[in-house]
N, C-alpha and C. Protein backbone atom coordinates (compact mmCIF):
# COMPACT_ATOMS: atom_id res chain seq x y z
N MET A 1 -34.73 -36.80 53.35
CA MET A 1 -34.31 -35.75 52.45
C MET A 1 -32.79 -35.82 52.27
N THR A 2 -32.33 -35.66 51.05
CA THR A 2 -30.91 -35.73 50.73
C THR A 2 -30.21 -34.46 51.22
N PRO A 3 -29.08 -34.60 51.92
CA PRO A 3 -28.34 -33.42 52.38
C PRO A 3 -27.94 -32.54 51.20
N ILE A 4 -27.88 -31.22 51.45
CA ILE A 4 -27.61 -30.24 50.41
C ILE A 4 -26.29 -30.49 49.68
N VAL A 5 -25.25 -30.87 50.39
CA VAL A 5 -23.95 -31.11 49.74
C VAL A 5 -24.08 -32.27 48.77
N GLN A 6 -24.72 -33.31 49.20
CA GLN A 6 -24.90 -34.49 48.35
C GLN A 6 -25.74 -34.12 47.11
N ARG A 7 -26.78 -33.33 47.31
CA ARG A 7 -27.63 -32.89 46.17
C ARG A 7 -26.85 -31.99 45.22
N ALA A 8 -26.13 -31.01 45.79
CA ALA A 8 -25.39 -30.05 44.96
C ALA A 8 -24.34 -30.74 44.10
N LEU A 9 -23.72 -31.77 44.68
CA LEU A 9 -22.67 -32.48 43.95
C LEU A 9 -23.20 -33.66 43.15
N ARG A 10 -24.51 -33.91 43.30
CA ARG A 10 -25.18 -35.02 42.61
C ARG A 10 -24.48 -36.35 42.88
N GLN A 11 -24.22 -36.55 44.16
CA GLN A 11 -23.56 -37.79 44.60
C GLN A 11 -24.61 -38.75 45.15
N LYS A 12 -24.34 -40.01 44.98
CA LYS A 12 -25.27 -41.03 45.49
C LYS A 12 -25.13 -41.23 46.99
N SER A 13 -23.92 -40.98 47.50
CA SER A 13 -23.71 -41.16 48.93
C SER A 13 -23.18 -39.85 49.53
N PRO A 14 -23.42 -39.67 50.82
CA PRO A 14 -22.95 -38.44 51.47
C PRO A 14 -21.43 -38.44 51.62
N PRO A 15 -20.87 -37.27 51.90
CA PRO A 15 -19.42 -37.22 52.19
C PRO A 15 -19.09 -38.15 53.35
N PRO A 16 -17.86 -38.63 53.41
CA PRO A 16 -17.50 -39.66 54.39
C PRO A 16 -17.49 -39.21 55.85
N THR A 17 -17.28 -37.91 56.10
CA THR A 17 -17.21 -37.43 57.49
C THR A 17 -17.93 -36.09 57.58
N PRO A 18 -18.33 -35.71 58.80
CA PRO A 18 -18.92 -34.37 58.97
C PRO A 18 -17.95 -33.26 58.55
N GLU A 19 -16.66 -33.47 58.79
CA GLU A 19 -15.66 -32.47 58.39
C GLU A 19 -15.62 -32.31 56.88
N ALA A 20 -15.65 -33.44 56.16
CA ALA A 20 -15.64 -33.39 54.70
C ALA A 20 -16.91 -32.70 54.18
N GLU A 21 -18.04 -33.00 54.81
CA GLU A 21 -19.29 -32.38 54.39
C GLU A 21 -19.25 -30.87 54.62
N ALA A 22 -18.77 -30.44 55.78
CA ALA A 22 -18.68 -29.01 56.08
C ALA A 22 -17.71 -28.31 55.13
N PHE A 23 -16.58 -28.96 54.86
CA PHE A 23 -15.58 -28.39 53.95
C PHE A 23 -16.17 -28.20 52.56
N LEU A 24 -16.88 -29.20 52.08
CA LEU A 24 -17.54 -29.09 50.77
C LEU A 24 -18.64 -28.04 50.80
N ALA A 25 -19.39 -27.97 51.88
CA ALA A 25 -20.48 -26.99 51.99
C ALA A 25 -19.95 -25.57 51.91
N ILE A 26 -18.82 -25.31 52.56
CA ILE A 26 -18.21 -23.97 52.51
C ILE A 26 -17.80 -23.64 51.08
N GLN A 27 -17.20 -24.60 50.38
CA GLN A 27 -16.77 -24.37 49.00
C GLN A 27 -17.96 -24.12 48.09
N ILE A 28 -19.01 -24.90 48.24
CA ILE A 28 -20.20 -24.74 47.41
C ILE A 28 -20.85 -23.38 47.69
N ALA A 29 -20.99 -23.04 48.97
CA ALA A 29 -21.60 -21.75 49.33
C ALA A 29 -20.78 -20.59 48.76
N ALA A 30 -19.46 -20.65 48.89
CA ALA A 30 -18.61 -19.59 48.37
C ALA A 30 -18.77 -19.46 46.86
N ALA A 31 -18.78 -20.57 46.16
CA ALA A 31 -18.94 -20.52 44.71
C ALA A 31 -20.30 -19.93 44.32
N ARG A 32 -21.35 -20.35 45.01
CA ARG A 32 -22.70 -19.85 44.69
C ARG A 32 -22.82 -18.35 44.97
N LEU A 33 -22.14 -17.89 46.02
CA LEU A 33 -22.18 -16.47 46.36
C LEU A 33 -21.31 -15.62 45.44
N LEU A 34 -20.16 -16.16 45.04
CA LEU A 34 -19.20 -15.37 44.27
C LEU A 34 -19.46 -15.36 42.77
N ASP A 35 -20.09 -16.39 42.24
CA ASP A 35 -20.32 -16.44 40.79
C ASP A 35 -21.09 -15.24 40.26
N PRO A 36 -22.20 -14.84 40.87
CA PRO A 36 -22.91 -13.65 40.35
C PRO A 36 -22.06 -12.39 40.43
N TRP A 37 -21.26 -12.27 41.49
CA TRP A 37 -20.39 -11.10 41.64
C TRP A 37 -19.32 -11.10 40.55
N ALA A 38 -18.75 -12.24 40.26
CA ALA A 38 -17.73 -12.33 39.20
C ALA A 38 -18.33 -11.94 37.85
N ARG A 39 -19.56 -12.39 37.59
CA ARG A 39 -20.22 -12.02 36.33
C ARG A 39 -20.48 -10.51 36.28
N TYR A 40 -20.90 -9.95 37.40
CA TYR A 40 -21.14 -8.51 37.44
C TYR A 40 -19.84 -7.74 37.20
N LEU A 41 -18.77 -8.16 37.86
CA LEU A 41 -17.48 -7.49 37.67
C LEU A 41 -17.02 -7.58 36.23
N LYS A 42 -17.23 -8.74 35.61
CA LYS A 42 -16.83 -8.91 34.21
C LYS A 42 -17.52 -7.87 33.33
N SER A 43 -18.80 -7.62 33.61
CA SER A 43 -19.53 -6.62 32.83
C SER A 43 -18.99 -5.22 33.08
N SER A 44 -18.28 -5.02 34.19
CA SER A 44 -17.65 -3.74 34.51
C SER A 44 -16.20 -3.68 34.03
N GLY A 45 -15.73 -4.78 33.47
CA GLY A 45 -14.40 -4.80 32.88
C GLY A 45 -13.27 -5.17 33.83
N VAL A 46 -13.59 -5.73 35.00
CA VAL A 46 -12.54 -6.16 35.91
C VAL A 46 -12.80 -7.59 36.38
N THR A 47 -11.74 -8.25 36.76
CA THR A 47 -11.85 -9.59 37.32
C THR A 47 -11.99 -9.47 38.84
N PRO A 48 -12.43 -10.54 39.51
CA PRO A 48 -12.46 -10.49 40.97
C PRO A 48 -11.09 -10.18 41.59
N GLY A 49 -10.03 -10.71 41.01
CA GLY A 49 -8.68 -10.43 41.51
C GLY A 49 -8.32 -8.96 41.37
N GLN A 50 -8.64 -8.38 40.23
CA GLN A 50 -8.36 -6.96 40.02
C GLN A 50 -9.17 -6.09 40.98
N TYR A 51 -10.43 -6.45 41.17
CA TYR A 51 -11.27 -5.73 42.13
C TYR A 51 -10.66 -5.82 43.53
N ASN A 52 -10.21 -7.00 43.90
CA ASN A 52 -9.60 -7.20 45.20
C ASN A 52 -8.38 -6.30 45.38
N VAL A 53 -7.53 -6.23 44.35
CA VAL A 53 -6.33 -5.39 44.43
C VAL A 53 -6.73 -3.92 44.56
N LEU A 54 -7.68 -3.48 43.78
CA LEU A 54 -8.12 -2.08 43.86
C LEU A 54 -8.67 -1.77 45.25
N ARG A 55 -9.44 -2.69 45.80
CA ARG A 55 -10.01 -2.52 47.14
C ARG A 55 -8.88 -2.43 48.18
N ILE A 56 -7.88 -3.28 48.04
CA ILE A 56 -6.72 -3.27 48.96
C ILE A 56 -5.98 -1.95 48.87
N LEU A 57 -5.73 -1.48 47.64
CA LEU A 57 -4.99 -0.23 47.47
C LEU A 57 -5.79 0.97 47.98
N ARG A 58 -7.10 0.94 47.80
CA ARG A 58 -7.92 2.04 48.33
C ARG A 58 -7.82 2.04 49.86
N GLY A 59 -7.85 0.87 50.46
CA GLY A 59 -7.76 0.77 51.92
C GLY A 59 -6.41 1.19 52.47
N ALA A 60 -5.38 1.12 51.65
CA ALA A 60 -4.03 1.47 52.10
C ALA A 60 -3.72 2.95 51.91
N ARG A 61 -4.58 3.66 51.19
CA ARG A 61 -4.32 5.07 50.89
C ARG A 61 -4.00 5.87 52.12
N PRO A 62 -3.06 6.78 52.05
CA PRO A 62 -2.33 7.24 50.88
C PRO A 62 -1.06 6.42 50.60
N GLU A 63 -0.82 5.40 51.41
CA GLU A 63 0.37 4.58 51.26
C GLU A 63 0.33 3.78 49.96
N ALA A 64 1.49 3.59 49.34
CA ALA A 64 1.63 2.69 48.20
C ALA A 64 2.17 1.36 48.72
N LEU A 65 1.78 0.27 48.07
CA LEU A 65 2.16 -1.06 48.54
C LEU A 65 3.03 -1.78 47.52
N THR A 66 3.89 -2.67 48.02
CA THR A 66 4.68 -3.53 47.15
C THR A 66 3.82 -4.72 46.71
N CYS A 67 4.28 -5.46 45.73
CA CYS A 67 3.57 -6.67 45.29
C CYS A 67 3.37 -7.63 46.46
N GLY A 68 4.39 -7.81 47.26
CA GLY A 68 4.30 -8.71 48.39
C GLY A 68 3.26 -8.27 49.41
N GLU A 69 3.20 -6.98 49.67
CA GLU A 69 2.21 -6.46 50.62
C GLU A 69 0.80 -6.65 50.08
N ILE A 70 0.62 -6.46 48.79
CA ILE A 70 -0.69 -6.68 48.17
C ILE A 70 -1.05 -8.16 48.27
N ALA A 71 -0.10 -9.03 47.93
CA ALA A 71 -0.35 -10.48 47.95
C ALA A 71 -0.78 -10.94 49.34
N GLU A 72 -0.16 -10.40 50.39
CA GLU A 72 -0.49 -10.78 51.77
C GLU A 72 -1.93 -10.43 52.13
N ARG A 73 -2.48 -9.41 51.48
CA ARG A 73 -3.83 -8.92 51.82
C ARG A 73 -4.92 -9.49 50.92
N MET A 74 -4.54 -10.25 49.91
CA MET A 74 -5.52 -10.79 48.97
C MET A 74 -6.45 -11.79 49.66
N ILE A 75 -7.71 -11.76 49.30
CA ILE A 75 -8.66 -12.75 49.81
C ILE A 75 -8.40 -14.08 49.12
N THR A 76 -8.36 -14.04 47.80
CA THR A 76 -8.02 -15.22 47.00
C THR A 76 -6.62 -14.99 46.46
N ARG A 77 -5.72 -15.88 46.78
CA ARG A 77 -4.33 -15.71 46.37
C ARG A 77 -4.20 -15.78 44.85
N ASP A 78 -3.36 -14.91 44.31
CA ASP A 78 -3.06 -14.90 42.88
C ASP A 78 -1.55 -15.08 42.74
N PRO A 79 -1.12 -16.10 42.00
CA PRO A 79 0.32 -16.36 41.92
C PRO A 79 1.09 -15.32 41.11
N ASP A 80 0.39 -14.52 40.31
CA ASP A 80 1.09 -13.55 39.46
C ASP A 80 0.54 -12.14 39.67
N ILE A 81 0.84 -11.57 40.82
CA ILE A 81 0.39 -10.22 41.15
C ILE A 81 0.96 -9.22 40.14
N THR A 82 2.18 -9.43 39.70
CA THR A 82 2.81 -8.49 38.77
C THR A 82 1.99 -8.35 37.50
N ARG A 83 1.57 -9.47 36.92
CA ARG A 83 0.77 -9.41 35.69
C ARG A 83 -0.58 -8.74 35.95
N LEU A 84 -1.17 -9.03 37.10
CA LEU A 84 -2.44 -8.41 37.47
C LEU A 84 -2.26 -6.89 37.56
N LEU A 85 -1.17 -6.46 38.19
CA LEU A 85 -0.89 -5.02 38.30
C LEU A 85 -0.59 -4.40 36.94
N ASP A 86 0.08 -5.16 36.06
CA ASP A 86 0.34 -4.67 34.70
C ASP A 86 -0.97 -4.32 34.00
N ARG A 87 -1.96 -5.18 34.15
CA ARG A 87 -3.26 -4.95 33.50
C ARG A 87 -3.96 -3.72 34.09
N LEU A 88 -3.89 -3.59 35.41
CA LEU A 88 -4.51 -2.42 36.04
C LEU A 88 -3.77 -1.14 35.65
N ASP A 89 -2.45 -1.22 35.54
CA ASP A 89 -1.64 -0.08 35.15
C ASP A 89 -1.94 0.32 33.70
N SER A 90 -2.09 -0.65 32.82
CA SER A 90 -2.37 -0.34 31.42
C SER A 90 -3.72 0.36 31.25
N ARG A 91 -4.63 0.12 32.19
CA ARG A 91 -5.94 0.79 32.18
C ARG A 91 -5.93 2.06 33.02
N GLN A 92 -4.75 2.42 33.54
CA GLN A 92 -4.54 3.62 34.35
C GLN A 92 -5.39 3.64 35.62
N LEU A 93 -5.66 2.44 36.16
CA LEU A 93 -6.41 2.33 37.41
C LEU A 93 -5.48 2.39 38.62
N VAL A 94 -4.18 2.13 38.37
CA VAL A 94 -3.16 2.23 39.40
C VAL A 94 -1.95 2.96 38.83
N THR A 95 -1.10 3.44 39.74
CA THR A 95 0.19 3.99 39.33
C THR A 95 1.27 3.22 40.07
N ARG A 96 2.43 3.12 39.42
CA ARG A 96 3.55 2.41 40.05
C ARG A 96 4.77 3.30 40.01
N GLU A 97 5.56 3.17 41.07
CA GLU A 97 6.79 3.96 41.15
C GLU A 97 7.87 3.16 41.85
N ARG A 98 9.08 3.42 41.47
CA ARG A 98 10.21 2.75 42.12
C ARG A 98 10.43 3.37 43.50
N ASP A 99 10.79 2.52 44.44
CA ASP A 99 11.09 2.96 45.80
C ASP A 99 12.38 3.77 45.77
N ALA A 100 12.37 4.93 46.43
CA ALA A 100 13.55 5.80 46.43
C ALA A 100 14.73 5.14 47.14
N ALA A 101 14.45 4.38 48.19
CA ALA A 101 15.52 3.76 48.97
C ALA A 101 16.08 2.50 48.31
N ASP A 102 15.25 1.80 47.56
CA ASP A 102 15.66 0.55 46.91
C ASP A 102 15.00 0.48 45.54
N ARG A 103 15.75 0.80 44.52
CA ARG A 103 15.22 0.90 43.15
C ARG A 103 14.66 -0.43 42.63
N ARG A 104 14.97 -1.54 43.28
CA ARG A 104 14.43 -2.83 42.85
C ARG A 104 12.96 -2.98 43.26
N VAL A 105 12.54 -2.22 44.24
CA VAL A 105 11.18 -2.32 44.78
C VAL A 105 10.25 -1.36 44.04
N ILE A 106 9.12 -1.90 43.61
CA ILE A 106 8.11 -1.07 42.95
C ILE A 106 6.89 -0.99 43.86
N ARG A 107 6.44 0.23 44.07
CA ARG A 107 5.27 0.47 44.92
C ARG A 107 4.09 0.88 44.04
N THR A 108 2.92 0.39 44.41
CA THR A 108 1.71 0.64 43.63
C THR A 108 0.69 1.36 44.50
N ARG A 109 0.01 2.32 43.88
CA ARG A 109 -1.09 2.98 44.58
C ARG A 109 -2.25 3.12 43.61
N ILE A 110 -3.44 3.22 44.16
CA ILE A 110 -4.63 3.35 43.34
C ILE A 110 -4.66 4.75 42.72
N ALA A 111 -5.08 4.82 41.47
CA ALA A 111 -5.17 6.10 40.75
C ALA A 111 -6.62 6.58 40.77
N GLY A 112 -6.83 7.81 40.36
CA GLY A 112 -8.17 8.39 40.32
C GLY A 112 -9.20 7.54 39.60
N PRO A 113 -8.89 7.05 38.38
CA PRO A 113 -9.87 6.20 37.70
C PRO A 113 -10.17 4.91 38.45
N GLY A 114 -9.20 4.39 39.19
CA GLY A 114 -9.44 3.20 40.02
C GLY A 114 -10.40 3.51 41.15
N LEU A 115 -10.21 4.68 41.77
CA LEU A 115 -11.13 5.11 42.82
C LEU A 115 -12.53 5.32 42.26
N ASP A 116 -12.62 5.88 41.07
CA ASP A 116 -13.93 6.10 40.43
C ASP A 116 -14.62 4.77 40.16
N LEU A 117 -13.87 3.82 39.66
CA LEU A 117 -14.45 2.50 39.38
C LEU A 117 -14.96 1.85 40.66
N LEU A 118 -14.16 1.90 41.73
CA LEU A 118 -14.61 1.34 43.00
C LEU A 118 -15.85 2.06 43.52
N ALA A 119 -15.90 3.36 43.34
CA ALA A 119 -17.08 4.12 43.78
C ALA A 119 -18.34 3.62 43.06
N GLU A 120 -18.19 3.28 41.78
CA GLU A 120 -19.32 2.74 41.01
C GLU A 120 -19.70 1.34 41.49
N LEU A 121 -18.74 0.58 41.97
CA LEU A 121 -18.98 -0.80 42.38
C LEU A 121 -19.38 -0.95 43.85
N ASP A 122 -19.19 0.10 44.65
CA ASP A 122 -19.48 0.00 46.09
C ASP A 122 -20.94 -0.36 46.37
N ALA A 123 -21.87 0.35 45.77
CA ALA A 123 -23.30 0.08 46.04
C ALA A 123 -23.71 -1.32 45.56
N PRO A 124 -23.35 -1.72 44.33
CA PRO A 124 -23.69 -3.08 43.91
C PRO A 124 -23.05 -4.16 44.80
N ALA A 125 -21.83 -3.94 45.27
CA ALA A 125 -21.17 -4.92 46.13
C ALA A 125 -21.93 -5.05 47.45
N LEU A 126 -22.29 -3.92 48.02
CA LEU A 126 -23.04 -3.94 49.27
C LEU A 126 -24.41 -4.61 49.07
N GLU A 127 -25.08 -4.23 48.01
CA GLU A 127 -26.41 -4.80 47.72
C GLU A 127 -26.33 -6.31 47.52
N MET A 128 -25.33 -6.76 46.78
CA MET A 128 -25.19 -8.19 46.53
C MET A 128 -24.89 -8.94 47.82
N GLY A 129 -24.07 -8.36 48.67
CA GLY A 129 -23.76 -8.99 49.95
C GLY A 129 -24.98 -9.07 50.85
N VAL A 130 -25.75 -7.99 50.90
CA VAL A 130 -26.96 -7.98 51.73
C VAL A 130 -27.95 -9.01 51.20
N ARG A 131 -28.13 -9.04 49.89
CA ARG A 131 -29.06 -10.00 49.29
C ARG A 131 -28.61 -11.44 49.55
N ALA A 132 -27.31 -11.69 49.43
CA ALA A 132 -26.79 -13.04 49.62
C ALA A 132 -26.97 -13.52 51.06
N MET A 133 -26.90 -12.62 52.01
CA MET A 133 -26.99 -13.00 53.42
C MET A 133 -28.39 -12.81 53.99
N SER A 134 -29.34 -12.40 53.17
CA SER A 134 -30.69 -12.08 53.66
C SER A 134 -31.45 -13.29 54.19
N ALA A 135 -30.99 -14.49 53.91
CA ALA A 135 -31.65 -15.69 54.42
C ALA A 135 -31.40 -15.89 55.91
N LEU A 136 -30.43 -15.14 56.47
CA LEU A 136 -30.06 -15.32 57.88
C LEU A 136 -30.49 -14.12 58.72
N SER A 137 -30.92 -14.39 59.92
CA SER A 137 -31.26 -13.34 60.88
C SER A 137 -29.96 -12.68 61.37
N PRO A 138 -30.06 -11.50 61.98
CA PRO A 138 -28.86 -10.88 62.54
C PRO A 138 -28.13 -11.79 63.53
N THR A 139 -28.87 -12.52 64.34
CA THR A 139 -28.25 -13.44 65.30
C THR A 139 -27.49 -14.55 64.58
N LYS A 140 -28.11 -15.12 63.54
CA LYS A 140 -27.45 -16.19 62.80
C LYS A 140 -26.24 -15.65 62.02
N LEU A 141 -26.33 -14.41 61.52
CA LEU A 141 -25.19 -13.82 60.83
C LEU A 141 -24.00 -13.67 61.78
N LYS A 142 -24.26 -13.24 63.01
CA LYS A 142 -23.18 -13.11 63.99
C LYS A 142 -22.58 -14.48 64.29
N GLU A 143 -23.43 -15.48 64.42
CA GLU A 143 -22.95 -16.84 64.70
C GLU A 143 -22.14 -17.37 63.53
N LEU A 144 -22.61 -17.15 62.31
CA LEU A 144 -21.88 -17.58 61.12
C LEU A 144 -20.52 -16.91 61.07
N THR A 145 -20.49 -15.62 61.31
CA THR A 145 -19.22 -14.89 61.30
C THR A 145 -18.28 -15.42 62.37
N ARG A 146 -18.81 -15.71 63.55
CA ARG A 146 -17.99 -16.26 64.63
C ARG A 146 -17.41 -17.62 64.23
N LEU A 147 -18.26 -18.48 63.67
CA LEU A 147 -17.80 -19.81 63.25
C LEU A 147 -16.75 -19.71 62.13
N LEU A 148 -17.02 -18.87 61.15
CA LEU A 148 -16.06 -18.73 60.05
C LEU A 148 -14.75 -18.11 60.55
N SER A 149 -14.83 -17.21 61.50
CA SER A 149 -13.62 -16.63 62.08
C SER A 149 -12.77 -17.71 62.74
N THR A 150 -13.42 -18.63 63.42
CA THR A 150 -12.70 -19.74 64.04
C THR A 150 -12.01 -20.58 62.98
N ILE A 151 -12.72 -20.88 61.90
CA ILE A 151 -12.16 -21.68 60.81
C ILE A 151 -10.99 -20.95 60.16
N ILE A 152 -11.17 -19.65 59.89
CA ILE A 152 -10.12 -18.86 59.24
C ILE A 152 -8.87 -18.83 60.12
N THR A 153 -9.04 -18.57 61.40
CA THR A 153 -7.91 -18.53 62.32
C THR A 153 -7.18 -19.87 62.36
N HIS A 154 -7.95 -20.95 62.43
CA HIS A 154 -7.36 -22.29 62.45
C HIS A 154 -6.60 -22.56 61.14
N ALA A 155 -7.24 -22.23 60.01
CA ALA A 155 -6.61 -22.48 58.70
C ALA A 155 -5.33 -21.67 58.54
N GLU A 156 -5.33 -20.44 58.99
CA GLU A 156 -4.12 -19.60 58.90
C GLU A 156 -2.99 -20.21 59.72
N GLY A 157 -3.32 -20.77 60.87
CA GLY A 157 -2.31 -21.44 61.70
C GLY A 157 -1.78 -22.70 61.06
N GLU A 158 -2.65 -23.43 60.38
CA GLU A 158 -2.26 -24.68 59.71
C GLU A 158 -1.37 -24.41 58.50
N ILE A 159 -1.65 -23.35 57.78
CA ILE A 159 -0.93 -23.06 56.54
C ILE A 159 0.49 -22.60 56.83
N GLN A 160 0.67 -21.86 57.89
CA GLN A 160 1.99 -21.28 58.16
C GLN A 160 2.87 -22.21 58.88
């Protein structure tokens, strides 16, 4: 039987190393899991990046965050947080204010309509996550989380 990575990529030969195969498998799995969510978000009028920012700002409440603080918390890095925030601001999903101590710094917080939108998306996000992970038993989910945590920790150390 052809390995899943080789089949998914429609390659004649397998990846050259187990590390390459695992790296590709993680990317393929992430894409397969995130694509339906991105389509769902699009129908709700937000991008995955915008959803991520709103989720970050809700988690920081009542504190307002700078662009840099938001960028540090992003799951998927976005090189232009300012433009992303401009779009959310134009839809009145966030509010921005200049820092009293340093007028060059702009702080952003989630607005009422942003909270309302997230409230509408909470149940579908949870449902989609449960459905996506339903192929694994609770024991395997814990093991997967442990393994991914190891990879994330290692990758964060390598990047910095």
